[in-house]
Structure formats: C-alpha cells, structure tokens
Amino acid sequence: MITVGGMERTYTTVVPANVEPGAPLYVALHGNNMDAAGMREATGYQLDELAAEHGFVVVYGQGYETSWHDCRNSPPYTARLENI
C-alpha cells in the first residue's frame, strides 16, 4: 500500500525469484468494474508466468472502487465523478 494525496492506494506485486536489480517493471491496469485480482485472473496468470520466465516485475494496480479516471467526460465511474 502507498499513500497518494492522503488516500491509501493498493496494488498486487509479482516479483519472481530471478529478478535482478534494474529489471523492467510492467504495470497492469484493470478495466472498469474489475479489480487487481480480477485482472490477474483474466490474464490467466500469464503475465506472472512471463515475468518469471523473463525476469521482470508485474504490478497490478487497484483502481478506486473498481474504476480509473481515464479523462473521458461521459463514463459515470466513481473515480471520474470524484476526480480521483
């Protein structure tokens, strides 16, 4: 967990045993009405497997109440409505 703008934000990190200092970081953001665990499951854990195979770290970010503020004007998702 990290605190950003006074708000606690969570994420799931996959760090394979073979990761070396300076390894690449892959950030996976879920779609709306999903969460970090659902994103991991939706990919069939293939990103985790690729990370282990190729030595990189994966971070699955957790949106705010299952959404991100992606700067579109019309979606009624909480992150946009609350300007998060």
N, C-alpha and C. Protein backbone atom coordinates (compact mmCIF):
# COMPACT_ATOMS: atom_id res chain seq x y z
N MET A 1 0.84 -1.17 0.00
CA MET A 1 0.00 0.00 0.00
C MET A 1 0.89 1.24 0.00
N ILE A 2 0.44 2.26 -0.74
CA ILE A 2 1.11 3.56 -0.72
C ILE A 2 0.04 4.62 -0.47
N THR A 3 0.46 5.76 0.02
CA THR A 3 -0.45 6.86 0.24
C THR A 3 -0.16 7.93 -0.80
N VAL A 4 -1.20 8.33 -1.54
CA VAL A 4 -1.08 9.34 -2.58
C VAL A 4 -2.16 10.38 -2.34
N GLY A 5 -1.77 11.61 -2.13
CA GLY A 5 -2.74 12.66 -1.89
C GLY A 5 -3.62 12.39 -0.69
N GLY A 6 -3.05 11.74 0.33
CA GLY A 6 -3.79 11.41 1.54
C GLY A 6 -4.68 10.19 1.41
N MET A 7 -4.68 9.55 0.25
CA MET A 7 -5.51 8.38 0.02
C MET A 7 -4.64 7.12 -0.06
N GLU A 8 -5.03 6.08 0.65
CA GLU A 8 -4.28 4.83 0.60
C GLU A 8 -4.65 4.09 -0.68
N ARG A 9 -3.63 3.74 -1.47
CA ARG A 9 -3.83 3.02 -2.72
C ARG A 9 -3.15 1.66 -2.60
N THR A 10 -3.79 0.64 -3.14
CA THR A 10 -3.25 -0.71 -3.03
C THR A 10 -2.93 -1.28 -4.41
N TYR A 11 -2.15 -2.32 -4.40
CA TYR A 11 -1.73 -2.98 -5.63
C TYR A 11 -1.22 -4.36 -5.27
N THR A 12 -1.13 -5.22 -6.26
CA THR A 12 -0.55 -6.55 -6.09
C THR A 12 0.73 -6.58 -6.90
N THR A 13 1.80 -7.03 -6.28
CA THR A 13 3.10 -7.08 -6.95
C THR A 13 3.55 -8.53 -7.10
N VAL A 14 4.05 -8.85 -8.29
CA VAL A 14 4.63 -10.17 -8.55
C VAL A 14 6.11 -9.97 -8.84
N VAL A 15 6.94 -10.48 -7.93
CA VAL A 15 8.39 -10.35 -8.06
C VAL A 15 8.98 -11.75 -8.11
N PRO A 16 9.29 -12.24 -9.30
CA PRO A 16 9.87 -13.58 -9.41
C PRO A 16 11.24 -13.67 -8.73
N ALA A 17 11.61 -14.87 -8.38
CA ALA A 17 12.88 -15.10 -7.68
C ALA A 17 14.09 -14.68 -8.51
N ASN A 18 13.98 -14.72 -9.83
CA ASN A 18 15.14 -14.44 -10.69
C ASN A 18 15.27 -12.97 -11.08
N VAL A 19 14.52 -12.08 -10.44
CA VAL A 19 14.58 -10.65 -10.79
C VAL A 19 15.89 -10.05 -10.32
N GLU A 20 16.55 -9.34 -11.23
CA GLU A 20 17.81 -8.69 -10.91
C GLU A 20 17.57 -7.19 -10.71
N PRO A 21 18.46 -6.51 -9.99
CA PRO A 21 18.32 -5.06 -9.83
C PRO A 21 18.23 -4.39 -11.20
N GLY A 22 17.34 -3.42 -11.31
CA GLY A 22 17.17 -2.71 -12.57
C GLY A 22 16.28 -3.42 -13.57
N ALA A 23 15.65 -4.51 -13.15
CA ALA A 23 14.77 -5.26 -14.05
C ALA A 23 13.58 -4.39 -14.48
N PRO A 24 13.01 -4.68 -15.64
CA PRO A 24 11.84 -3.92 -16.10
C PRO A 24 10.64 -4.09 -15.17
N LEU A 25 9.77 -3.10 -15.19
CA LEU A 25 8.54 -3.11 -14.42
C LEU A 25 7.37 -3.02 -15.40
N TYR A 26 6.43 -3.93 -15.28
CA TYR A 26 5.22 -3.94 -16.12
C TYR A 26 4.06 -3.57 -15.21
N VAL A 27 3.33 -2.51 -15.57
CA VAL A 27 2.18 -2.08 -14.79
C VAL A 27 0.92 -2.50 -15.53
N ALA A 28 0.11 -3.33 -14.88
CA ALA A 28 -1.13 -3.83 -15.47
C ALA A 28 -2.31 -3.15 -14.78
N LEU A 29 -3.09 -2.41 -15.55
CA LEU A 29 -4.26 -1.72 -15.02
C LEU A 29 -5.53 -2.44 -15.50
N HIS A 30 -6.38 -2.77 -14.57
CA HIS A 30 -7.62 -3.46 -14.90
C HIS A 30 -8.62 -2.53 -15.58
N GLY A 31 -9.62 -3.13 -16.19
CA GLY A 31 -10.70 -2.35 -16.79
C GLY A 31 -11.69 -1.92 -15.72
N ASN A 32 -12.66 -1.10 -16.12
CA ASN A 32 -13.68 -0.66 -15.19
C ASN A 32 -14.54 -1.83 -14.74
N ASN A 33 -15.04 -1.72 -13.53
CA ASN A 33 -15.83 -2.77 -12.89
C ASN A 33 -15.05 -4.06 -12.69
N MET A 34 -13.76 -3.92 -12.48
CA MET A 34 -12.87 -5.04 -12.22
C MET A 34 -11.94 -4.61 -11.10
N ASP A 35 -11.09 -5.49 -10.64
CA ASP A 35 -10.08 -5.13 -9.65
C ASP A 35 -8.76 -5.81 -10.01
N ALA A 36 -7.73 -5.56 -9.20
CA ALA A 36 -6.40 -6.10 -9.49
C ALA A 36 -6.41 -7.62 -9.53
N ALA A 37 -7.09 -8.24 -8.58
CA ALA A 37 -7.15 -9.72 -8.56
C ALA A 37 -7.88 -10.23 -9.79
N GLY A 38 -8.94 -9.54 -10.20
CA GLY A 38 -9.68 -9.95 -11.39
C GLY A 38 -8.85 -9.81 -12.65
N MET A 39 -8.00 -8.79 -12.71
CA MET A 39 -7.12 -8.60 -13.87
C MET A 39 -6.12 -9.74 -13.96
N ARG A 40 -5.58 -10.10 -12.83
CA ARG A 40 -4.62 -11.21 -12.79
C ARG A 40 -5.28 -12.49 -13.27
N GLU A 41 -6.47 -12.73 -12.78
CA GLU A 41 -7.21 -13.93 -13.18
C GLU A 41 -7.61 -13.87 -14.65
N ALA A 42 -8.04 -12.69 -15.11
CA ALA A 42 -8.47 -12.55 -16.51
C ALA A 42 -7.34 -12.82 -17.49
N THR A 43 -6.11 -12.56 -17.08
CA THR A 43 -4.97 -12.84 -17.96
C THR A 43 -4.53 -14.30 -17.85
N GLY A 44 -5.22 -15.06 -17.00
CA GLY A 44 -4.83 -16.45 -16.82
C GLY A 44 -3.48 -16.58 -16.13
N TYR A 45 -3.09 -15.56 -15.39
CA TYR A 45 -1.80 -15.50 -14.69
C TYR A 45 -0.63 -15.58 -15.66
N GLN A 46 -0.89 -15.31 -16.94
CA GLN A 46 0.18 -15.39 -17.93
C GLN A 46 1.23 -14.30 -17.76
N LEU A 47 0.82 -13.11 -17.28
CA LEU A 47 1.82 -12.08 -17.02
C LEU A 47 2.78 -12.53 -15.92
N ASP A 48 2.24 -13.19 -14.90
CA ASP A 48 3.09 -13.73 -13.82
C ASP A 48 4.09 -14.73 -14.39
N GLU A 49 3.62 -15.59 -15.27
CA GLU A 49 4.49 -16.61 -15.87
C GLU A 49 5.55 -15.97 -16.75
N LEU A 50 5.16 -14.97 -17.54
CA LEU A 50 6.13 -14.27 -18.38
C LEU A 50 7.17 -13.54 -17.53
N ALA A 51 6.72 -12.96 -16.42
CA ALA A 51 7.65 -12.27 -15.53
C ALA A 51 8.70 -13.24 -14.99
N ALA A 52 8.26 -14.42 -14.59
CA ALA A 52 9.20 -15.43 -14.08
C ALA A 52 10.14 -15.90 -15.19
N GLU A 53 9.60 -16.07 -16.37
CA GLU A 53 10.40 -16.57 -17.50
C GLU A 53 11.44 -15.54 -17.96
N HIS A 54 11.06 -14.25 -17.93
CA HIS A 54 11.94 -13.23 -18.49
C HIS A 54 12.55 -12.28 -17.46
N GLY A 55 12.25 -12.49 -16.18
CA GLY A 55 12.90 -11.72 -15.12
C GLY A 55 12.45 -10.27 -14.99
N PHE A 56 11.14 -10.02 -14.99
CA PHE A 56 10.66 -8.67 -14.75
C PHE A 56 9.59 -8.69 -13.65
N VAL A 57 9.22 -7.52 -13.17
CA VAL A 57 8.25 -7.37 -12.09
C VAL A 57 6.92 -6.92 -12.68
N VAL A 58 5.83 -7.44 -12.14
CA VAL A 58 4.49 -7.02 -12.56
C VAL A 58 3.79 -6.39 -11.36
N VAL A 59 3.20 -5.21 -11.58
CA VAL A 59 2.37 -4.57 -10.56
C VAL A 59 0.97 -4.44 -11.14
N TYR A 60 0.01 -5.01 -10.42
CA TYR A 60 -1.40 -4.90 -10.79
C TYR A 60 -2.00 -3.81 -9.91
N GLY A 61 -2.27 -2.66 -10.51
CA GLY A 61 -2.83 -1.56 -9.74
C GLY A 61 -4.29 -1.78 -9.41
N GLN A 62 -4.71 -1.26 -8.29
CA GLN A 62 -6.11 -1.35 -7.85
C GLN A 62 -6.76 0.01 -8.05
N GLY A 63 -7.74 0.08 -8.93
CA GLY A 63 -8.45 1.33 -9.17
C GLY A 63 -9.29 1.73 -7.96
N TYR A 64 -9.86 2.91 -8.05
CA TYR A 64 -10.71 3.43 -6.99
C TYR A 64 -12.13 2.90 -7.21
N GLU A 65 -12.61 2.11 -6.28
CA GLU A 65 -13.94 1.50 -6.38
C GLU A 65 -14.15 0.88 -7.76
N THR A 66 -13.21 0.09 -8.17
CA THR A 66 -13.18 -0.68 -9.43
C THR A 66 -13.12 0.18 -10.69
N SER A 67 -12.63 1.41 -10.58
CA SER A 67 -12.52 2.23 -11.79
C SER A 67 -11.28 3.12 -11.74
N TRP A 68 -10.95 3.67 -12.90
CA TRP A 68 -9.87 4.64 -13.05
C TRP A 68 -10.48 5.90 -13.64
N HIS A 69 -9.84 7.02 -13.39
CA HIS A 69 -10.25 8.26 -14.03
C HIS A 69 -9.43 8.35 -15.31
N ASP A 70 -10.04 7.99 -16.42
CA ASP A 70 -9.30 7.95 -17.69
C ASP A 70 -9.53 9.20 -18.55
N CYS A 71 -10.05 10.24 -17.93
CA CYS A 71 -10.22 11.57 -18.54
C CYS A 71 -11.33 11.64 -19.59
N ARG A 72 -12.13 10.60 -19.74
CA ARG A 72 -13.30 10.72 -20.62
C ARG A 72 -14.38 11.47 -19.85
N ASN A 73 -15.20 12.21 -20.54
CA ASN A 73 -16.24 13.02 -19.90
C ASN A 73 -17.51 12.26 -19.55
N SER A 74 -17.81 11.21 -20.28
CA SER A 74 -19.13 10.60 -20.13
C SER A 74 -19.26 9.44 -19.14
N PRO A 75 -18.26 8.59 -18.94
CA PRO A 75 -18.50 7.43 -18.07
C PRO A 75 -18.87 7.84 -16.64
N PRO A 76 -19.85 7.18 -16.07
CA PRO A 76 -20.29 7.52 -14.71
C PRO A 76 -19.53 6.78 -13.62
N TYR A 77 -18.26 6.45 -13.85
CA TYR A 77 -17.49 5.70 -12.87
C TYR A 77 -17.05 6.60 -11.71
N THR A 78 -17.01 6.02 -10.54
CA THR A 78 -16.74 6.76 -9.32
C THR A 78 -15.43 7.54 -9.38
N ALA A 79 -14.37 6.95 -9.92
CA ALA A 79 -13.08 7.65 -9.97
C ALA A 79 -13.20 8.94 -10.75
N ARG A 80 -13.93 8.94 -11.84
CA ARG A 80 -14.12 10.16 -12.61
C ARG A 80 -15.02 11.15 -11.89
N LEU A 81 -16.13 10.65 -11.37
CA LEU A 81 -17.09 11.53 -10.68
C LEU A 81 -16.48 12.23 -9.48
N GLU A 82 -15.56 11.54 -8.79
CA GLU A 82 -14.90 12.12 -7.63
C GLU A 82 -13.54 12.74 -7.97
N ASN A 83 -13.21 12.75 -9.26
CA ASN A 83 -11.98 13.33 -9.76
C ASN A 83 -10.73 12.76 -9.09
N ILE A 84 -10.69 11.44 -9.05
CA ILE A 84 -9.57 10.74 -8.43
C ILE A 84 -8.70 10.14 -9.54
